[in-house]
């Protein structure tokens, strides 16, 4: 009986400790990666604004070639939505919407994840001319994990995990844009 009390007390203490840690753990994270592509800014921006093009370079698209996709609206315009459903538990289901475009400079998206859990994140693309034949591309991902999910930020390095996917995607984008068509 004494052992049961000790175990119960330890579980209560652990629960309280995790709750306190969670209350003071920021839930916000941002992951940013860049590359320079040897192509003019206008052509890089025109390619990036078309959300369907992400299927050609996104690391997440590579994770499940059989992923189901649905589209609503006109690609490359504010309001266009690409929805996905995957049997891969790392991908789950959700949708990505173009929410703002600053012509030639920036494209903002909202990501709405439905499975394996519900959350919302933002991503954006920046294009900056390095010179007339080269473009610096920034791909950034911002998210928020509410308590108790924010405790995962102590275990998962989002900058590394998401950053690796962004780097792979940027590498494929660079190769696509720099290969003569």
C-alpha atoms as a PDB file:
ATOM      1  CA  UNK A   1       0.000   0.000   0.000  1.00  0.00           C
ATOM      2  CA  UNK A   2       2.901   2.339   0.793  1.00  0.00           C
ATOM      3  CA  UNK A   3       4.378   1.743  -2.678  1.00  0.00           C
ATOM      4  CA  UNK A   4       1.073   2.729  -4.322  1.00  0.00           C
ATOM      5  CA  UNK A   5       1.031   6.012  -2.368  1.00  0.00           C
ATOM      6  CA  UNK A   6       4.605   6.767  -3.381  1.00  0.00           C
ATOM      7  CA  UNK A   7       3.864   6.069  -7.047  1.00  0.00           C
ATOM      8  CA  UNK A   8       0.680   8.193  -6.904  1.00  0.00           C
ATOM      9  CA  UNK A   9       2.562  11.058  -5.223  1.00  0.00           C
ATOM     10  CA  UNK A  10       5.312  10.852  -7.873  1.00  0.00           C
ATOM     11  CA  UNK A  11       2.714  10.982 -10.662  1.00  0.00           C
ATOM     12  CA  UNK A  12       1.030  14.008  -9.082  1.00  0.00           C
ATOM     13  CA  UNK A  13       4.384  15.771  -8.686  1.00  0.00           C
ATOM     14  CA  UNK A  14       5.339  14.964 -12.278  1.00  0.00           C
ATOM     15  CA  UNK A  15       1.992  16.261 -13.559  1.00  0.00           C
ATOM     16  CA  UNK A  16       2.329  19.498 -11.585  1.00  0.00           C
ATOM     17  CA  UNK A  17       5.937  19.948 -12.729  1.00  0.00           C
ATOM     18  CA  UNK A  18       4.971  19.464 -16.384  1.00  0.00           C
ATOM     19  CA  UNK A  19       2.073  21.905 -16.011  1.00  0.00           C
ATOM     20  CA  UNK A  20       4.356  24.550 -14.497  1.00  0.00           C
ATOM     21  CA  UNK A  21       7.001  24.010 -17.192  1.00  0.00           C
ATOM     22  CA  UNK A  22       4.307  24.189 -19.876  1.00  0.00           C
ATOM     23  CA  UNK A  23       2.940  27.456 -18.537  1.00  0.00           C
ATOM     24  CA  UNK A  24       6.350  29.080 -18.893  1.00  0.00           C
ATOM     25  CA  UNK A  25       7.323  27.466 -22.201  1.00  0.00           C
ATOM     26  CA  UNK A  26       6.752  29.730 -25.185  1.00  0.00           C
ATOM     27  CA  UNK A  27       4.645  28.029 -27.808  1.00  0.00           C
ATOM     28  CA  UNK A  28       5.843  30.153 -30.721  1.00  0.00           C
ATOM     29  CA  UNK A  29       8.502  28.989 -33.129  1.00  0.00           C
ATOM     30  CA  UNK A  30       9.872  30.214 -36.455  1.00  0.00           C
ATOM     31  CA  UNK A  31      12.096  28.377 -38.889  1.00  0.00           C
ATOM     32  CA  UNK A  32      13.788  30.331 -41.696  1.00  0.00           C
ATOM     33  CA  UNK A  33      16.005  29.081 -44.502  1.00  0.00           C
ATOM     34  CA  UNK A  34      17.499  30.827 -47.546  1.00  0.00           C
ATOM     35  CA  UNK A  35      19.245  30.034 -50.792  1.00  0.00           C
ATOM     36  CA  UNK A  36      20.434  31.998 -53.802  1.00  0.00           C
ATOM     37  CA  UNK A  37      19.079  30.841 -57.145  1.00  0.00           C
ATOM     38  CA  UNK A  38      20.807  31.754 -60.383  1.00  0.00           C
ATOM     39  CA  UNK A  39      17.642  32.990 -62.079  1.00  0.00           C
ATOM     40  CA  UNK A  40      15.964  36.408 -62.351  1.00  0.00           C
ATOM     41  CA  UNK A  41      13.671  37.438 -59.521  1.00  0.00           C
ATOM     42  CA  UNK A  42      10.592  37.729 -61.759  1.00  0.00           C
ATOM     43  CA  UNK A  43      10.844  34.128 -62.957  1.00  0.00           C
ATOM     44  CA  UNK A  44      11.504  32.762 -59.454  1.00  0.00           C
ATOM     45  CA  UNK A  45       8.577  34.714 -58.023  1.00  0.00           C
ATOM     46  CA  UNK A  46       6.259  33.628 -60.846  1.00  0.00           C
ATOM     47  CA  UNK A  47       7.161  29.985 -60.153  1.00  0.00           C
ATOM     48  CA  UNK A  48       6.701  30.281 -56.376  1.00  0.00           C
ATOM     49  CA  UNK A  49       3.332  32.027 -56.525  1.00  0.00           C
ATOM     50  CA  UNK A  50       1.832  28.920 -58.172  1.00  0.00           C
ATOM     51  CA  UNK A  51       1.070  26.711 -55.179  1.00  0.00           C
ATOM     52  CA  UNK A  52       0.814  23.590 -57.339  1.00  0.00           C
ATOM     53  CA  UNK A  53       4.516  24.012 -58.164  1.00  0.00           C
ATOM     54  CA  UNK A  54       5.384  23.075 -54.575  1.00  0.00           C
ATOM     55  CA  UNK A  55       4.562  19.491 -55.523  1.00  0.00           C
ATOM     56  CA  UNK A  56       7.719  19.580 -57.676  1.00  0.00           C
ATOM     57  CA  UNK A  57      10.144  20.535 -54.906  1.00  0.00           C
ATOM     58  CA  UNK A  58       8.589  20.248 -51.447  1.00  0.00           C
ATOM     59  CA  UNK A  59      10.187  17.668 -49.152  1.00  0.00           C
ATOM     60  CA  UNK A  60       6.710  16.893 -47.810  1.00  0.00           C
ATOM     61  CA  UNK A  61       5.383  16.007 -51.275  1.00  0.00           C
ATOM     62  CA  UNK A  62       8.240  13.487 -51.588  1.00  0.00           C
ATOM     63  CA  UNK A  63       7.186  11.779 -48.355  1.00  0.00           C
ATOM     64  CA  UNK A  64       3.970  10.478 -49.929  1.00  0.00           C
ATOM     65  CA  UNK A  65       3.739  10.424 -53.725  1.00  0.00           C
ATOM     66  CA  UNK A  66       0.228   8.910 -53.362  1.00  0.00           C
ATOM     67  CA  UNK A  67      -1.022  11.855 -51.290  1.00  0.00           C
ATOM     68  CA  UNK A  68      -4.511  12.953 -52.333  1.00  0.00           C
ATOM     69  CA  UNK A  69      -4.817  16.635 -53.268  1.00  0.00           C
ATOM     70  CA  UNK A  70      -7.797  18.866 -53.965  1.00  0.00           C
ATOM     71  CA  UNK A  71      -7.719  22.454 -55.211  1.00  0.00           C
ATOM     72  CA  UNK A  72     -10.110  25.395 -54.858  1.00  0.00           C
ATOM     73  CA  UNK A  73      -9.800  28.699 -56.653  1.00  0.00           C
ATOM     74  CA  UNK A  74      -7.294  30.064 -59.132  1.00  0.00           C
ATOM     75  CA  UNK A  75      -3.700  29.048 -58.501  1.00  0.00           C
ATOM     76  CA  UNK A  76      -1.306  31.930 -57.925  1.00  0.00           C
ATOM     77  CA  UNK A  77      -4.004  34.208 -56.485  1.00  0.00           C
ATOM     78  CA  UNK A  78      -5.124  35.102 -52.979  1.00  0.00           C
ATOM     79  CA  UNK A  79      -7.703  32.594 -51.798  1.00  0.00           C
ATOM     80  CA  UNK A  80      -6.344  29.596 -53.705  1.00  0.00           C
ATOM     81  CA  UNK A  81      -6.424  26.487 -51.479  1.00  0.00           C
ATOM     82  CA  UNK A  82      -4.598  23.198 -51.852  1.00  0.00           C
ATOM     83  CA  UNK A  83      -5.945  20.488 -49.512  1.00  0.00           C
ATOM     84  CA  UNK A  84      -4.160  17.210 -48.841  1.00  0.00           C
ATOM     85  CA  UNK A  85      -4.863  13.837 -47.271  1.00  0.00           C
ATOM     86  CA  UNK A  86      -2.134  11.309 -46.622  1.00  0.00           C
ATOM     87  CA  UNK A  87      -1.899   7.883 -45.028  1.00  0.00           C
ATOM     88  CA  UNK A  88       1.556   8.949 -43.804  1.00  0.00           C
ATOM     89  CA  UNK A  89       1.037   9.912 -40.150  1.00  0.00           C
ATOM     90  CA  UNK A  90       3.722  12.607 -40.411  1.00  0.00           C
ATOM     91  CA  UNK A  91       1.662  14.376 -43.089  1.00  0.00           C
ATOM     92  CA  UNK A  92      -1.914  13.713 -42.014  1.00  0.00           C
ATOM     93  CA  UNK A  93      -4.440  16.041 -43.584  1.00  0.00           C
ATOM     94  CA  UNK A  94      -4.870  19.760 -43.936  1.00  0.00           C
ATOM     95  CA  UNK A  95      -4.898  22.622 -46.356  1.00  0.00           C
ATOM     96  CA  UNK A  96      -2.701  25.490 -47.467  1.00  0.00           C
ATOM     97  CA  UNK A  97      -4.135  28.814 -48.616  1.00  0.00           C
ATOM     98  CA  UNK A  98      -2.501  31.791 -50.294  1.00  0.00           C
ATOM     99  CA  UNK A  99      -3.530  34.675 -48.019  1.00  0.00           C
ATOM    100  CA  UNK A 100      -1.461  37.615 -49.290  1.00  0.00           C
ATOM    101  CA  UNK A 101       0.787  38.481 -52.210  1.00  0.00           C
ATOM    102  CA  UNK A 102       3.112  41.472 -52.450  1.00  0.00           C
ATOM    103  CA  UNK A 103       3.878  41.346 -56.158  1.00  0.00           C
ATOM    104  CA  UNK A 104       7.441  40.327 -56.908  1.00  0.00           C
ATOM    105  CA  UNK A 105       8.441  40.238 -53.232  1.00  0.00           C
ATOM    106  CA  UNK A 106       6.421  38.095 -50.850  1.00  0.00           C
ATOM    107  CA  UNK A 107       3.795  35.359 -50.749  1.00  0.00           C
ATOM    108  CA  UNK A 108       2.039  34.485 -47.471  1.00  0.00           C
ATOM    109  CA  UNK A 109       0.253  31.201 -46.823  1.00  0.00           C
ATOM    110  CA  UNK A 110      -1.823  29.842 -43.980  1.00  0.00           C
ATOM    111  CA  UNK A 111      -1.471  26.151 -43.185  1.00  0.00           C
ATOM    112  CA  UNK A 112      -4.373  24.474 -41.455  1.00  0.00           C
ATOM    113  CA  UNK A 113      -3.566  21.003 -40.142  1.00  0.00           C
ATOM    114  CA  UNK A 114      -6.495  18.707 -39.300  1.00  0.00           C
ATOM    115  CA  UNK A 115      -4.746  15.397 -38.605  1.00  0.00           C
ATOM    116  CA  UNK A 116      -2.881  14.057 -36.692  1.00  0.00           C
ATOM    117  CA  UNK A 117      -3.894  17.097 -34.609  1.00  0.00           C
ATOM    118  CA  UNK A 118      -5.463  20.451 -35.317  1.00  0.00           C
ATOM    119  CA  UNK A 119      -3.265  23.534 -35.484  1.00  0.00           C
ATOM    120  CA  UNK A 120      -2.601  26.490 -37.736  1.00  0.00           C
ATOM    121  CA  UNK A 121       0.727  27.784 -38.992  1.00  0.00           C
ATOM    122  CA  UNK A 122       1.955  30.441 -41.393  1.00  0.00           C
ATOM    123  CA  UNK A 123       4.575  30.230 -44.056  1.00  0.00           C
ATOM    124  CA  UNK A 124       5.963  32.846 -46.359  1.00  0.00           C
ATOM    125  CA  UNK A 125       8.285  33.236 -49.323  1.00  0.00           C
ATOM    126  CA  UNK A 126      10.500  36.270 -49.872  1.00  0.00           C
ATOM    127  CA  UNK A 127      12.347  36.950 -53.109  1.00  0.00           C
ATOM    128  CA  UNK A 128      15.130  39.534 -53.282  1.00  0.00           C
ATOM    129  CA  UNK A 129      17.193  40.343 -56.346  1.00  0.00           C
ATOM    130  CA  UNK A 130      20.882  39.759 -55.673  1.00  0.00           C
ATOM    131  CA  UNK A 131      21.541  41.079 -59.180  1.00  0.00           C
ATOM    132  CA  UNK A 132      19.738  40.839 -62.523  1.00  0.00           C
ATOM    133  CA  UNK A 133      20.455  37.099 -62.803  1.00  0.00           C
ATOM    134  CA  UNK A 134      20.281  35.874 -59.181  1.00  0.00           C
ATOM    135  CA  UNK A 135      17.571  35.796 -56.529  1.00  0.00           C
ATOM    136  CA  UNK A 136      17.793  35.240 -52.779  1.00  0.00           C
ATOM    137  CA  UNK A 137      14.821  33.104 -51.741  1.00  0.00           C
ATOM    138  CA  UNK A 138      13.683  32.926 -48.125  1.00  0.00           C
ATOM    139  CA  UNK A 139      11.252  30.224 -47.002  1.00  0.00           C
ATOM    140  CA  UNK A 140       9.916  30.665 -43.480  1.00  0.00           C
ATOM    141  CA  UNK A 141       7.539  28.647 -41.346  1.00  0.00           C
ATOM    142  CA  UNK A 142       5.889  30.029 -38.180  1.00  0.00           C
ATOM    143  CA  UNK A 143       3.793  28.093 -35.761  1.00  0.00           C
ATOM    144  CA  UNK A 144       2.273  28.047 -32.331  1.00  0.00           C
ATOM    145  CA  UNK A 145       1.735  25.085 -30.056  1.00  0.00           C
ATOM    146  CA  UNK A 146      -0.664  25.647 -27.176  1.00  0.00           C
ATOM    147  CA  UNK A 147      -0.315  23.946 -23.801  1.00  0.00           C
ATOM    148  CA  UNK A 148       0.247  20.999 -23.425  1.00  0.00           C
ATOM    149  CA  UNK A 149       1.603  20.551 -26.985  1.00  0.00           C
ATOM    150  CA  UNK A 150       4.154  23.304 -26.349  1.00  0.00           C
ATOM    151  CA  UNK A 151       5.974  20.827 -24.097  1.00  0.00           C
ATOM    152  CA  UNK A 152       7.027  19.038 -27.306  1.00  0.00           C
ATOM    153  CA  UNK A 153       9.296  22.014 -28.040  1.00  0.00           C
ATOM    154  CA  UNK A 154      11.555  20.727 -25.227  1.00  0.00           C
ATOM    155  CA  UNK A 155      11.879  17.400 -27.022  1.00  0.00           C
ATOM    156  CA  UNK A 156      11.652  18.303 -30.718  1.00  0.00           C
ATOM    157  CA  UNK A 157      13.994  20.891 -32.199  1.00  0.00           C
ATOM    158  CA  UNK A 158      11.606  22.483 -34.691  1.00  0.00           C
ATOM    159  CA  UNK A 159      14.406  24.559 -36.202  1.00  0.00           C
ATOM    160  CA  UNK A 160      16.267  21.365 -37.043  1.00  0.00           C
ATOM    161  CA  UNK A 161      13.288  19.147 -37.952  1.00  0.00           C
ATOM    162  CA  UNK A 162      11.374  21.626 -40.115  1.00  0.00           C
ATOM    163  CA  UNK A 163      14.613  23.318 -41.210  1.00  0.00           C
ATOM    164  CA  UNK A 164      15.890  20.109 -42.797  1.00  0.00           C
ATOM    165  CA  UNK A 165      12.674  19.844 -44.829  1.00  0.00           C
ATOM    166  CA  UNK A 166      12.935  23.477 -45.923  1.00  0.00           C
ATOM    167  CA  UNK A 167      16.588  23.001 -46.908  1.00  0.00           C
ATOM    168  CA  UNK A 168      15.762  19.903 -48.987  1.00  0.00           C
ATOM    169  CA  UNK A 169      12.928  21.770 -50.668  1.00  0.00           C
ATOM    170  CA  UNK A 170      15.079  24.815 -51.380  1.00  0.00           C
ATOM    171  CA  UNK A 171      17.781  22.570 -52.852  1.00  0.00           C
ATOM    172  CA  UNK A 172      15.260  20.984 -55.213  1.00  0.00           C
ATOM    173  CA  UNK A 173      13.801  24.411 -56.063  1.00  0.00           C
ATOM    174  CA  UNK A 174      17.274  25.718 -56.877  1.00  0.00           C
ATOM    175  CA  UNK A 175      17.983  22.728 -59.133  1.00  0.00           C
ATOM    176  CA  UNK A 176      14.627  23.159 -60.913  1.00  0.00           C
ATOM    177  CA  UNK A 177      15.075  26.889 -61.459  1.00  0.00           C
ATOM    178  CA  UNK A 178      18.691  26.620 -62.597  1.00  0.00           C
ATOM    179  CA  UNK A 179      18.119  23.758 -65.056  1.00  0.00           C
ATOM    180  CA  UNK A 180      17.517  25.007 -68.601  1.00  0.00           C
ATOM    181  CA  UNK A 181      13.991  24.169 -69.744  1.00  0.00           C
END
